[in-house]
Protein backbone atom coordinates (compact mmCIF):
# COMPACT_ATOMS: atom_id res chain seq x y z
CA MET A 1 -47.24 -7.23 -24.22
CA TYR A 2 -43.64 -6.70 -25.26
CA ASN A 3 -42.53 -5.53 -28.68
CA LEU A 4 -39.24 -7.35 -28.34
CA VAL A 5 -38.05 -10.35 -26.34
CA LEU A 6 -35.01 -12.59 -26.35
CA PHE A 7 -35.94 -16.21 -26.95
CA CYS A 8 -33.64 -19.22 -26.74
CA LYS A 9 -34.66 -22.74 -27.69
CA THR A 10 -32.21 -25.29 -26.39
CA TYR A 11 -31.97 -28.91 -25.30
CA ARG A 12 -31.31 -30.52 -21.96
CA ASN A 13 -27.77 -31.46 -22.98
CA ASP A 14 -26.91 -27.80 -23.66
CA ILE A 15 -27.75 -26.44 -20.23
CA ASP A 16 -24.10 -25.60 -19.50
CA ARG A 17 -23.91 -23.41 -22.60
CA LEU A 18 -27.26 -21.87 -21.77
CA LEU A 19 -25.98 -20.81 -18.34
CA ILE A 20 -23.05 -19.04 -19.98
CA LEU A 21 -25.45 -17.28 -22.34
CA LYS A 22 -27.72 -16.30 -19.44
CA LYS A 23 -24.82 -14.76 -17.51
CA SER A 24 -23.90 -12.71 -20.57
CA ILE A 25 -27.48 -11.55 -21.07
CA ASP A 26 -27.75 -10.60 -17.41
CA LYS A 27 -24.57 -8.57 -17.69
CA TYR A 28 -25.21 -6.77 -21.00
CA ASN A 29 -28.98 -6.51 -21.21
CA VAL A 30 -29.14 -2.99 -19.78
CA ASP A 31 -32.57 -2.40 -21.32
CA LYS A 32 -33.96 -5.37 -19.37
CA ILE A 33 -35.43 -7.04 -22.43
CA PRO A 34 -37.29 -10.16 -21.25
CA PHE A 35 -35.39 -13.40 -21.83
CA TYR A 36 -37.35 -16.61 -22.38
CA ILE A 37 -35.97 -20.12 -22.54
CA CYS A 38 -37.64 -23.15 -24.09
CA VAL A 39 -36.34 -26.62 -23.18
CA PRO A 40 -38.23 -29.81 -24.06
CA LYS A 41 -38.87 -32.23 -21.22
CA LYS A 42 -37.49 -35.12 -23.28
CA ILE A 43 -35.65 -35.40 -26.58
């Protein structure tokens, strides 16, 4: 169990922005805090 995680809820139409965010998290998340993404199957 983690005390802290990064969680992002987004929508299918925002995948491009999510990829930019993910690249930034990969680059700057030196503590390796888990990153979870939630995307609904349909809007």
